[in-house]
């Protein structure tokens, strides 16, 4: 049901709701973002399908992207937990 709502929202014309009435009036999520969310939900529902390669791939990609953004080496990026 939720997927159907998001799919309808992403594929529909802009909302005629008054501005500021809901966050969705600024536009739907890009399809690639919806697909990434669905994949993350699938991992939570079936964590046994999440391989160790896939588990380490996301942080590595994040380090590479952040390093490129700030002009550093990926090894210089440290992921930490703020809690």
C-alpha atoms as a PDB file:
ATOM      1  CA  UNK A   1       0.000   0.000   0.000  1.00  0.00           C
ATOM      2  CA  UNK A   2       2.768   2.450   0.952  1.00  0.00           C
ATOM      3  CA  UNK A   3       4.657   1.706  -2.253  1.00  0.00           C
ATOM      4  CA  UNK A   4       1.527   2.326  -4.297  1.00  0.00           C
ATOM      5  CA  UNK A   5       1.059   5.712  -2.629  1.00  0.00           C
ATOM      6  CA  UNK A   6       4.675   6.746  -3.239  1.00  0.00           C
ATOM      7  CA  UNK A   7       4.603   5.463  -6.807  1.00  0.00           C
ATOM      8  CA  UNK A   8       1.427   7.388  -7.483  1.00  0.00           C
ATOM      9  CA  UNK A   9       2.932  10.472  -5.862  1.00  0.00           C
ATOM     10  CA  UNK A  10       6.180  10.300  -7.845  1.00  0.00           C
ATOM     11  CA  UNK A  11       4.385   9.716 -11.135  1.00  0.00           C
ATOM     12  CA  UNK A  12       1.660  12.313 -10.601  1.00  0.00           C
ATOM     13  CA  UNK A  13       1.498  15.957 -11.547  1.00  0.00           C
ATOM     14  CA  UNK A  14       2.480  18.586  -8.965  1.00  0.00           C
ATOM     15  CA  UNK A  15       0.095  18.914  -6.064  1.00  0.00           C
ATOM     16  CA  UNK A  16      -2.448  21.715  -6.053  1.00  0.00           C
ATOM     17  CA  UNK A  17      -2.442  21.767  -2.254  1.00  0.00           C
ATOM     18  CA  UNK A  18      -1.657  25.099  -0.707  1.00  0.00           C
ATOM     19  CA  UNK A  19       2.085  25.654  -0.204  1.00  0.00           C
ATOM     20  CA  UNK A  20       3.415  24.599   3.152  1.00  0.00           C
ATOM     21  CA  UNK A  21       0.478  22.329   3.934  1.00  0.00           C
ATOM     22  CA  UNK A  22       2.641  19.234   3.604  1.00  0.00           C
ATOM     23  CA  UNK A  23       6.237  18.411   2.777  1.00  0.00           C
ATOM     24  CA  UNK A  24       5.092  16.452  -0.268  1.00  0.00           C
ATOM     25  CA  UNK A  25       3.991  19.620  -2.050  1.00  0.00           C
ATOM     26  CA  UNK A  26       7.629  20.328  -2.871  1.00  0.00           C
ATOM     27  CA  UNK A  27       7.677  17.283  -5.120  1.00  0.00           C
ATOM     28  CA  UNK A  28       7.925  13.548  -5.074  1.00  0.00           C
ATOM     29  CA  UNK A  29      11.060  11.572  -4.357  1.00  0.00           C
ATOM     30  CA  UNK A  30      13.175  10.629  -7.350  1.00  0.00           C
ATOM     31  CA  UNK A  31      12.636   7.025  -8.418  1.00  0.00           C
ATOM     32  CA  UNK A  32      16.227   6.097  -7.542  1.00  0.00           C
ATOM     33  CA  UNK A  33      15.625   7.321  -3.964  1.00  0.00           C
ATOM     34  CA  UNK A  34      12.420   5.293  -3.701  1.00  0.00           C
ATOM     35  CA  UNK A  35      14.259   2.208  -4.973  1.00  0.00           C
ATOM     36  CA  UNK A  36      17.078   2.733  -2.455  1.00  0.00           C
ATOM     37  CA  UNK A  37      14.535   3.016   0.377  1.00  0.00           C
ATOM     38  CA  UNK A  38      12.772  -0.145  -0.747  1.00  0.00           C
ATOM     39  CA  UNK A  39      16.098  -1.997  -0.844  1.00  0.00           C
ATOM     40  CA  UNK A  40      16.997  -0.795   2.668  1.00  0.00           C
ATOM     41  CA  UNK A  41      13.596  -1.935   3.953  1.00  0.00           C
ATOM     42  CA  UNK A  42      14.161  -5.331   2.341  1.00  0.00           C
ATOM     43  CA  UNK A  43      17.493  -5.627   4.203  1.00  0.00           C
ATOM     44  CA  UNK A  44      15.744  -4.881   7.497  1.00  0.00           C
ATOM     45  CA  UNK A  45      13.060  -7.476   6.760  1.00  0.00           C
ATOM     46  CA  UNK A  46      15.559 -10.149   5.689  1.00  0.00           C
ATOM     47  CA  UNK A  47      18.976  -9.322   7.177  1.00  0.00           C
ATOM     48  CA  UNK A  48      20.260 -12.794   6.280  1.00  0.00           C
ATOM     49  CA  UNK A  49      20.248 -11.634   2.623  1.00  0.00           C
ATOM     50  CA  UNK A  50      22.711  -8.834   3.401  1.00  0.00           C
ATOM     51  CA  UNK A  51      26.136 -10.177   2.474  1.00  0.00           C
ATOM     52  CA  UNK A  52      29.323  -8.962   4.136  1.00  0.00           C
ATOM     53  CA  UNK A  53      30.459  -7.465   0.816  1.00  0.00           C
ATOM     54  CA  UNK A  54      27.261  -5.433   0.557  1.00  0.00           C
ATOM     55  CA  UNK A  55      27.532  -4.447   4.215  1.00  0.00           C
ATOM     56  CA  UNK A  56      31.002  -2.926   3.698  1.00  0.00           C
ATOM     57  CA  UNK A  57      30.263  -1.480   0.246  1.00  0.00           C
ATOM     58  CA  UNK A  58      28.088   1.402   1.469  1.00  0.00           C
ATOM     59  CA  UNK A  59      30.592   2.846   3.991  1.00  0.00           C
ATOM     60  CA  UNK A  60      33.415   2.508   1.439  1.00  0.00           C
ATOM     61  CA  UNK A  61      31.392   4.381  -1.176  1.00  0.00           C
ATOM     62  CA  UNK A  62      30.534   7.059   1.385  1.00  0.00           C
ATOM     63  CA  UNK A  63      34.228   7.503   2.268  1.00  0.00           C
ATOM     64  CA  UNK A  64      35.195   7.763  -1.408  1.00  0.00           C
ATOM     65  CA  UNK A  65      32.473  10.295  -2.129  1.00  0.00           C
ATOM     66  CA  UNK A  66      33.247  12.464   0.899  1.00  0.00           C
ATOM     67  CA  UNK A  67      36.981  12.318   0.168  1.00  0.00           C
ATOM     68  CA  UNK A  68      36.400  13.457  -3.407  1.00  0.00           C
ATOM     69  CA  UNK A  69      34.119  16.242  -2.166  1.00  0.00           C
ATOM     70  CA  UNK A  70      36.698  17.710   0.233  1.00  0.00           C
ATOM     71  CA  UNK A  71      39.846  16.781  -1.701  1.00  0.00           C
ATOM     72  CA  UNK A  72      41.133  14.180   0.751  1.00  0.00           C
ATOM     73  CA  UNK A  73      42.131  10.540   0.559  1.00  0.00           C
ATOM     74  CA  UNK A  74      39.414   7.976   1.398  1.00  0.00           C
ATOM     75  CA  UNK A  75      41.672   6.653   4.184  1.00  0.00           C
ATOM     76  CA  UNK A  76      41.490  10.092   5.848  1.00  0.00           C
ATOM     77  CA  UNK A  77      37.711   9.868   6.271  1.00  0.00           C
ATOM     78  CA  UNK A  78      36.701   8.404   9.613  1.00  0.00           C
ATOM     79  CA  UNK A  79      33.194   7.150  10.240  1.00  0.00           C
ATOM     80  CA  UNK A  80      32.115   7.504  13.795  1.00  0.00           C
ATOM     81  CA  UNK A  81      29.093   7.046  15.953  1.00  0.00           C
ATOM     82  CA  UNK A  82      27.973  10.203  17.726  1.00  0.00           C
ATOM     83  CA  UNK A  83      25.934   8.381  20.322  1.00  0.00           C
END
